[in-house]
Amino acid sequence: MERHVLIVAGGTGRRMGSAVPKQFLLLAGRPLLMHTIERMHLLCGGCGITVVLPGEFRTMWEGLCSEHRFAVPHIVVDGGEERFYSVKRGLESITGDCLVAIHDGVRPLVSAGTVRRCFEEAAKSGAAIPVVAPPESVRMVTVRGTMTVNRESIRLVQTPQVFRLDLIRKAYEVKFNQLFTDDATVAEQAGIPVSVVEGNRENIKITTPFDIIIAGAIMETENEKLNK
């Protein structure tokens, strides 16, 4: 089955505290989003890539691509007010019978193993997401205070989340709900079982200035290993 990548970068980065969307902030000398697109292009064997961006920043992105001579082929689709609508618009633009990997535009450090496991499992079950075990103790906050939660039963969810296109497109026909935190929750609302596979710890979602520092350090370590 063919593969397609849908990279969602429709946010404006309010938590980053910047006038520029976080996906355009520089990481190792280039906009963060370029690293994400480039990595998914490499790991998915050059499959088709659709990028969802805020419509008002499309011109800025085109200028950045020209400035940095960024030539990885991709199609740009205007996003919506919520991530839900951005994904929905992106899915509507993809044609054919394929597996689609929906990936956060601010996760530039996903590993080859994570991507491979997601596609392999989705090819069998129809839906697969990467998860990692929390390295720290976990507590639940309630109206009565806090309580310890057994972290062995908790997993942190990452992307790419891979689905058969027909299944996830049908799932996104539902009405938006604030409880939709990712694509897996939309799929499960539609009755689609979601399988989990092992993710990679480095696959962090960059949402704060501190995350930029961490990502830069990880990329520097990766480059040092490649140059040895």
C-alpha atoms as a PDB file:
ATOM      1  CA  MET A   1       0.000   0.000   0.000  1.00  0.00           C
ATOM      2  CA  GLU A   2       1.267   3.492  -0.844  1.00  0.00           C
ATOM      3  CA  ARG A   3       2.350   5.875   1.902  1.00  0.00           C
ATOM      4  CA  HIS A   4       1.692   9.576   2.420  1.00  0.00           C
ATOM      5  CA  VAL A   5       2.846  11.989   5.130  1.00  0.00           C
ATOM      6  CA  LEU A   6       0.596  14.739   6.508  1.00  0.00           C
ATOM      7  CA  ILE A   7       2.611  17.206   8.572  1.00  0.00           C
ATOM      8  CA  VAL A   8       0.453  19.428  10.754  1.00  0.00           C
ATOM      9  CA  ALA A   9       1.965  22.840  11.456  1.00  0.00           C
ATOM     10  CA  GLY A  10      -1.173  24.956  11.717  1.00  0.00           C
ATOM     11  CA  GLY A  11      -0.460  26.486  15.124  1.00  0.00           C
ATOM     12  CA  THR A  12       0.635  30.018  15.925  1.00  0.00           C
ATOM     13  CA  GLY A  13       2.948  29.121  18.812  1.00  0.00           C
ATOM     14  CA  ARG A  14       1.388  31.141  21.627  1.00  0.00           C
ATOM     15  CA  ARG A  15       3.146  29.022  24.278  1.00  0.00           C
ATOM     16  CA  MET A  16       6.502  29.797  22.693  1.00  0.00           C
ATOM     17  CA  GLY A  17       5.952  33.501  23.437  1.00  0.00           C
ATOM     18  CA  SER A  18       7.006  34.556  19.932  1.00  0.00           C
ATOM     19  CA  ALA A  19       5.360  36.641  17.220  1.00  0.00           C
ATOM     20  CA  VAL A  20       6.593  34.014  14.752  1.00  0.00           C
ATOM     21  CA  PRO A  21       4.921  30.560  14.782  1.00  0.00           C
ATOM     22  CA  LYS A  22       7.142  28.020  16.548  1.00  0.00           C
ATOM     23  CA  GLN A  23       7.446  25.884  13.422  1.00  0.00           C
ATOM     24  CA  PHE A  24       9.367  28.753  11.796  1.00  0.00           C
ATOM     25  CA  LEU A  25      11.806  29.362  14.666  1.00  0.00           C
ATOM     26  CA  LEU A  26      15.411  28.503  13.931  1.00  0.00           C
ATOM     27  CA  LEU A  27      16.880  25.179  14.980  1.00  0.00           C
ATOM     28  CA  ALA A  28      20.494  24.518  13.965  1.00  0.00           C
ATOM     29  CA  GLY A  29      20.338  27.455  11.567  1.00  0.00           C
ATOM     30  CA  ARG A  30      17.123  26.530   9.757  1.00  0.00           C
ATOM     31  CA  PRO A  31      13.385  26.777  10.480  1.00  0.00           C
ATOM     32  CA  LEU A  32      12.228  23.914  12.693  1.00  0.00           C
ATOM     33  CA  LEU A  33       9.605  22.768  10.195  1.00  0.00           C
ATOM     34  CA  MET A  34      12.258  22.168   7.527  1.00  0.00           C
ATOM     35  CA  HIS A  35      14.006  19.657   9.765  1.00  0.00           C
ATOM     36  CA  THR A  36      10.721  17.797  10.296  1.00  0.00           C
ATOM     37  CA  ILE A  37       9.836  17.690   6.599  1.00  0.00           C
ATOM     38  CA  GLU A  38      13.332  16.634   5.621  1.00  0.00           C
ATOM     39  CA  ARG A  39      13.440  13.822   8.167  1.00  0.00           C
ATOM     40  CA  MET A  40      10.045  12.415   7.189  1.00  0.00           C
ATOM     41  CA  HIS A  41      11.022  12.634   3.511  1.00  0.00           C
ATOM     42  CA  LEU A  42      14.163  10.634   4.252  1.00  0.00           C
ATOM     43  CA  LEU A  43      12.528   8.052   6.527  1.00  0.00           C
ATOM     44  CA  CYS A  44       9.469   7.466   4.328  1.00  0.00           C
ATOM     45  CA  GLY A  45      11.396   6.832   1.140  1.00  0.00           C
ATOM     46  CA  GLY A  46      10.439  10.021  -0.632  1.00  0.00           C
ATOM     47  CA  CYS A  47       6.652   9.477  -0.366  1.00  0.00           C
ATOM     48  CA  GLY A  48       4.213  12.336  -0.913  1.00  0.00           C
ATOM     49  CA  ILE A  49       4.188  15.055   1.753  1.00  0.00           C
ATOM     50  CA  THR A  50       1.373  17.477   2.559  1.00  0.00           C
ATOM     51  CA  VAL A  51       2.031  20.313   5.019  1.00  0.00           C
ATOM     52  CA  VAL A  52      -0.775  22.165   6.775  1.00  0.00           C
ATOM     53  CA  LEU A  53       0.120  25.783   7.643  1.00  0.00           C
ATOM     54  CA  PRO A  54      -1.766  28.842   8.902  1.00  0.00           C
ATOM     55  CA  GLY A  55      -3.019  30.548   5.760  1.00  0.00           C
ATOM     56  CA  GLU A  56      -1.676  33.928   6.837  1.00  0.00           C
ATOM     57  CA  PHE A  57       1.866  32.535   7.032  1.00  0.00           C
ATOM     58  CA  ARG A  58       1.982  30.795   3.658  1.00  0.00           C
ATOM     59  CA  THR A  59       3.879  33.694   2.066  1.00  0.00           C
ATOM     60  CA  MET A  60       6.384  33.703   4.926  1.00  0.00           C
ATOM     61  CA  TRP A  61       6.977  29.987   4.434  1.00  0.00           C
ATOM     62  CA  GLU A  62       7.540  30.433   0.717  1.00  0.00           C
ATOM     63  CA  GLY A  63      10.086  33.149   1.488  1.00  0.00           C
ATOM     64  CA  LEU A  64      11.874  30.931   4.014  1.00  0.00           C
ATOM     65  CA  CYS A  65      12.028  28.055   1.517  1.00  0.00           C
ATOM     66  CA  SER A  66      13.613  30.395  -1.019  1.00  0.00           C
ATOM     67  CA  GLU A  67      16.040  31.871   1.513  1.00  0.00           C
ATOM     68  CA  HIS A  68      17.218  28.466   2.745  1.00  0.00           C
ATOM     69  CA  ARG A  69      17.039  26.819  -0.690  1.00  0.00           C
ATOM     70  CA  PHE A  70      14.707  24.204   0.715  1.00  0.00           C
ATOM     71  CA  ALA A  71      13.797  21.836  -2.101  1.00  0.00           C
ATOM     72  CA  VAL A  72      12.033  18.841  -0.506  1.00  0.00           C
ATOM     73  CA  PRO A  73       8.816  18.426  -2.553  1.00  0.00           C
ATOM     74  CA  HIS A  74       5.643  19.109  -0.578  1.00  0.00           C
ATOM     75  CA  ILE A  75       2.124  20.465  -0.990  1.00  0.00           C
ATOM     76  CA  VAL A  76       0.860  23.229   1.312  1.00  0.00           C
ATOM     77  CA  VAL A  77      -2.731  23.313   2.594  1.00  0.00           C
ATOM     78  CA  ASP A  78      -4.247  26.109   4.705  1.00  0.00           C
ATOM     79  CA  GLY A  79      -5.041  25.068   8.278  1.00  0.00           C
ATOM     80  CA  GLY A  80      -8.077  25.707  10.437  1.00  0.00           C
ATOM     81  CA  GLU A  81      -8.761  27.322  13.807  1.00  0.00           C
ATOM     82  CA  GLU A  82      -8.174  24.046  15.676  1.00  0.00           C
ATOM     83  CA  ARG A  83      -5.793  21.174  14.967  1.00  0.00           C
ATOM     84  CA  PHE A  84      -8.858  19.026  14.272  1.00  0.00           C
ATOM     85  CA  TYR A  85      -9.825  21.205  11.302  1.00  0.00           C
ATOM     86  CA  SER A  86      -6.246  21.424  10.054  1.00  0.00           C
ATOM     87  CA  VAL A  87      -5.966  17.636   9.948  1.00  0.00           C
ATOM     88  CA  LYS A  88      -9.398  17.344   8.328  1.00  0.00           C
ATOM     89  CA  ARG A  89      -8.408  19.749   5.549  1.00  0.00           C
ATOM     90  CA  GLY A  90      -5.138  17.942   5.024  1.00  0.00           C
ATOM     91  CA  LEU A  91      -6.838  14.553   4.767  1.00  0.00           C
ATOM     92  CA  GLU A  92      -9.355  15.904   2.273  1.00  0.00           C
ATOM     93  CA  SER A  93      -6.491  16.955  -0.016  1.00  0.00           C
ATOM     94  CA  ILE A  94      -4.969  13.443  -0.193  1.00  0.00           C
ATOM     95  CA  THR A  95      -6.198  11.016  -2.831  1.00  0.00           C
ATOM     96  CA  GLY A  96      -5.790   7.312  -3.496  1.00  0.00           C
ATOM     97  CA  ASP A  97      -5.652   4.177  -1.386  1.00  0.00           C
ATOM     98  CA  CYS A  98      -2.806   4.676   1.076  1.00  0.00           C
ATOM     99  CA  LEU A  99      -1.509   4.725   4.618  1.00  0.00           C
ATOM    100  CA  VAL A 100      -1.205   8.268   5.941  1.00  0.00           C
ATOM    101  CA  ALA A 101       1.219   9.267   8.683  1.00  0.00           C
ATOM    102  CA  ILE A 102      -0.066  12.326  10.561  1.00  0.00           C
ATOM    103  CA  HIS A 103       2.922  13.996  12.164  1.00  0.00           C
ATOM    104  CA  ASP A 104       3.422  17.132  14.274  1.00  0.00           C
ATOM    105  CA  GLY A 105       5.422  19.775  12.435  1.00  0.00           C
ATOM    106  CA  VAL A 106       7.393  20.437  15.620  1.00  0.00           C
ATOM    107  CA  ARG A 107       8.681  16.881  16.105  1.00  0.00           C
ATOM    108  CA  PRO A 108      11.912  16.886  14.064  1.00  0.00           C
ATOM    109  CA  LEU A 109      13.603  14.034  15.950  1.00  0.00           C
ATOM    110  CA  VAL A 110      11.465  10.995  15.206  1.00  0.00           C
ATOM    111  CA  SER A 111      13.558   7.888  14.565  1.00  0.00           C
ATOM    112  CA  ALA A 112      13.602   5.516  11.614  1.00  0.00           C
ATOM    113  CA  GLY A 113      12.519   2.690  13.913  1.00  0.00           C
ATOM    114  CA  THR A 114       9.484   4.584  15.174  1.00  0.00           C
ATOM    115  CA  VAL A 115       8.310   5.424  11.661  1.00  0.00           C
ATOM    116  CA  ARG A 116       8.887   1.858  10.443  1.00  0.00           C
ATOM    117  CA  ARG A 117       7.003   0.311  13.375  1.00  0.00           C
ATOM    118  CA  CYS A 118       4.025   2.640  12.899  1.00  0.00           C
ATOM    119  CA  PHE A 119       3.677   1.886   9.191  1.00  0.00           C
ATOM    120  CA  GLU A 120       4.146  -1.854   9.638  1.00  0.00           C
ATOM    121  CA  GLU A 121       1.502  -2.078  12.360  1.00  0.00           C
ATOM    122  CA  ALA A 122      -0.957   0.192  10.550  1.00  0.00           C
ATOM    123  CA  ALA A 123      -0.615  -1.961   7.435  1.00  0.00           C
ATOM    124  CA  LYS A 124      -1.881  -4.887   9.526  1.00  0.00           C
ATOM    125  CA  SER A 125      -4.403  -3.287  11.891  1.00  0.00           C
ATOM    126  CA  GLY A 126      -5.396  -0.038  10.163  1.00  0.00           C
ATOM    127  CA  ALA A 127      -4.250   2.326  12.926  1.00  0.00           C
ATOM    128  CA  ALA A 128      -1.010   2.622  14.919  1.00  0.00           C
ATOM    129  CA  ILE A 129       0.524   5.238  17.201  1.00  0.00           C
ATOM    130  CA  PRO A 130       3.940   5.456  18.912  1.00  0.00           C
ATOM    131  CA  VAL A 131       4.147   5.658  22.706  1.00  0.00           C
ATOM    132  CA  VAL A 132       6.849   5.788  25.368  1.00  0.00           C
ATOM    133  CA  ALA A 133       6.742   4.989  29.074  1.00  0.00           C
ATOM    134  CA  PRO A 134       7.023   8.025  31.392  1.00  0.00           C
ATOM    135  CA  PRO A 135      10.476   8.131  33.019  1.00  0.00           C
ATOM    136  CA  GLU A 136       9.201   9.984  36.112  1.00  0.00           C
ATOM    137  CA  SER A 137       6.637   9.308  38.794  1.00  0.00           C
ATOM    138  CA  VAL A 138       3.090  10.262  37.862  1.00  0.00           C
ATOM    139  CA  ARG A 139       0.339  11.791  40.015  1.00  0.00           C
ATOM    140  CA  MET A 140      -3.307  12.468  39.201  1.00  0.00           C
ATOM    141  CA  VAL A 141      -4.876  15.751  40.289  1.00  0.00           C
ATOM    142  CA  THR A 142      -8.487  15.555  41.516  1.00  0.00           C
ATOM    143  CA  VAL A 143     -10.849  17.841  43.434  1.00  0.00           C
ATOM    144  CA  ARG A 144      -9.824  15.966  46.587  1.00  0.00           C
ATOM    145  CA  GLY A 145      -6.091  16.457  46.041  1.00  0.00           C
ATOM    146  CA  THR A 146      -3.517  14.312  44.270  1.00  0.00           C
ATOM    147  CA  MET A 147      -2.873  10.612  44.159  1.00  0.00           C
ATOM    148  CA  THR A 148      -0.117   8.378  42.868  1.00  0.00           C
ATOM    149  CA  VAL A 149      -0.717   6.589  39.568  1.00  0.00           C
ATOM    150  CA  ASN A 150       1.092   3.393  38.633  1.00  0.00           C
ATOM    151  CA  ARG A 151       3.294   4.617  35.795  1.00  0.00           C
ATOM    152  CA  GLU A 152       3.598   1.089  34.428  1.00  0.00           C
ATOM    153  CA  SER A 153       0.034   1.523  33.134  1.00  0.00           C
ATOM    154  CA  ILE A 154       0.711   4.987  31.612  1.00  0.00           C
ATOM    155  CA  ARG A 155       2.141   5.800  28.193  1.00  0.00           C
ATOM    156  CA  LEU A 156       3.017   9.142  26.594  1.00  0.00           C
ATOM    157  CA  VAL A 157       1.678   9.484  23.058  1.00  0.00           C
ATOM    158  CA  GLN A 158       3.771  10.731  20.139  1.00  0.00           C
ATOM    159  CA  THR A 159       3.461  11.087  16.358  1.00  0.00           C
ATOM    160  CA  PRO A 160       3.463  10.043  13.561  1.00  0.00           C
ATOM    161  CA  GLN A 161       0.091   8.407  14.003  1.00  0.00           C
ATOM    162  CA  VAL A 162      -0.504   6.182  10.999  1.00  0.00           C
ATOM    163  CA  PHE A 163      -3.893   5.143   9.611  1.00  0.00           C
ATOM    164  CA  ARG A 164      -5.501   3.744   6.523  1.00  0.00           C
ATOM    165  CA  LEU A 165      -6.637   6.882   4.737  1.00  0.00           C
ATOM    166  CA  ASP A 166     -10.213   5.710   4.252  1.00  0.00           C
ATOM    167  CA  LEU A 167     -10.604   4.935   7.970  1.00  0.00           C
ATOM    168  CA  ILE A 168      -9.220   8.179   9.370  1.00  0.00           C
ATOM    169  CA  ARG A 169     -10.937  10.366   6.774  1.00  0.00           C
ATOM    170  CA  LYS A 170     -14.282   8.775   7.731  1.00  0.00           C
ATOM    171  CA  ALA A 171     -13.490   9.282  11.430  1.00  0.00           C
ATOM    172  CA  TYR A 172     -12.941  13.009  10.835  1.00  0.00           C
ATOM    173  CA  GLU A 173     -16.494  13.443   9.575  1.00  0.00           C
ATOM    174  CA  VAL A 174     -17.650  13.780  13.206  1.00  0.00           C
ATOM    175  CA  LYS A 175     -18.335  17.082  14.912  1.00  0.00           C
ATOM    176  CA  PHE A 176     -15.356  18.693  16.679  1.00  0.00           C
ATOM    177  CA  ASN A 177     -14.996  17.879  20.372  1.00  0.00           C
ATOM    178  CA  GLN A 178     -12.584  19.559  22.805  1.00  0.00           C
ATOM    179  CA  LEU A 179     -11.689  16.087  24.081  1.00  0.00           C
ATOM    180  CA  PHE A 180     -10.009  15.282  20.746  1.00  0.00           C
ATOM    181  CA  THR A 181      -6.382  15.637  21.837  1.00  0.00           C
ATOM    182  CA  ASP A 182      -4.887  13.777  18.878  1.00  0.00           C
ATOM    183  CA  ASP A 183      -5.842  11.718  15.841  1.00  0.00           C
ATOM    184  CA  ALA A 184      -6.083   8.500  17.842  1.00  0.00           C
ATOM    185  CA  THR A 185      -8.881   9.934  20.007  1.00  0.00           C
ATOM    186  CA  VAL A 186     -10.801  10.893  16.861  1.00  0.00           C
ATOM    187  CA  ALA A 187     -10.323   7.382  15.471  1.00  0.00           C
ATOM    188  CA  GLU A 188     -11.430   5.726  18.700  1.00  0.00           C
ATOM    189  CA  GLN A 189     -14.543   7.939  18.835  1.00  0.00           C
ATOM    190  CA  ALA A 190     -15.429   6.440  15.453  1.00  0.00           C
ATOM    191  CA  GLY A 191     -14.954   2.925  16.802  1.00  0.00           C
ATOM    192  CA  ILE A 192     -11.556   2.284  15.199  1.00  0.00           C
ATOM    193  CA  PRO A 193      -9.221   0.210  17.417  1.00  0.00           C
ATOM    194  CA  VAL A 194      -5.790   1.818  17.724  1.00  0.00           C
ATOM    195  CA  SER A 195      -2.640  -0.259  18.161  1.00  0.00           C
ATOM    196  CA  VAL A 196       0.413   1.080  19.980  1.00  0.00           C
ATOM    197  CA  VAL A 197       4.077   0.601  19.100  1.00  0.00           C
ATOM    198  CA  GLU A 198       7.291   1.715  20.761  1.00  0.00           C
ATOM    199  CA  GLY A 199       8.261   5.329  20.064  1.00  0.00           C
ATOM    200  CA  ASN A 200      11.629   6.982  20.709  1.00  0.00           C
ATOM    201  CA  ARG A 201      12.479   9.192  23.661  1.00  0.00           C
ATOM    202  CA  GLU A 202      14.141  11.863  21.489  1.00  0.00           C
ATOM    203  CA  ASN A 203      10.910  12.415  19.561  1.00  0.00           C
ATOM    204  CA  ILE A 204       9.933  15.427  21.662  1.00  0.00           C
ATOM    205  CA  LYS A 205       7.285  17.958  20.714  1.00  0.00           C
ATOM    206  CA  ILE A 206       8.882  21.402  20.693  1.00  0.00           C
ATOM    207  CA  THR A 207       6.507  23.797  22.427  1.00  0.00           C
ATOM    208  CA  THR A 208       8.734  26.011  24.610  1.00  0.00           C
ATOM    209  CA  PRO A 209      12.091  27.829  24.258  1.00  0.00           C
ATOM    210  CA  PHE A 210      13.646  25.186  26.526  1.00  0.00           C
ATOM    211  CA  ASP A 211      12.611  22.476  24.049  1.00  0.00           C
ATOM    212  CA  ILE A 212      14.561  24.275  21.313  1.00  0.00           C
ATOM    213  CA  ILE A 213      17.702  24.009  23.443  1.00  0.00           C
ATOM    214  CA  ILE A 214      17.123  20.296  24.090  1.00  0.00           C
ATOM    215  CA  ALA A 215      16.441  19.574  20.411  1.00  0.00           C
ATOM    216  CA  GLY A 216      19.564  21.436  19.364  1.00  0.00           C
ATOM    217  CA  ALA A 217      21.667  19.385  21.770  1.00  0.00           C
ATOM    218  CA  ILE A 218      20.172  16.121  20.484  1.00  0.00           C
ATOM    219  CA  MET A 219      20.805  17.099  16.871  1.00  0.00           C
ATOM    220  CA  GLU A 220      24.397  18.035  17.685  1.00  0.00           C
ATOM    221  CA  THR A 221      24.923  14.615  19.288  1.00  0.00           C
ATOM    222  CA  GLU A 222      23.389  12.892  16.250  1.00  0.00           C
ATOM    223  CA  ASN A 223      25.722  14.793  13.915  1.00  0.00           C
ATOM    224  CA  GLU A 224      28.756  13.926  15.994  1.00  0.00           C
ATOM    225  CA  LYS A 225      27.883  10.232  15.754  1.00  0.00           C
ATOM    226  CA  LEU A 226      27.473  10.469  11.986  1.00  0.00           C
ATOM    227  CA  ASN A 227      30.828  12.210  11.582  1.00  0.00           C
ATOM    228  CA  LYS A 228      32.825   9.665  13.593  1.00  0.00           C
END
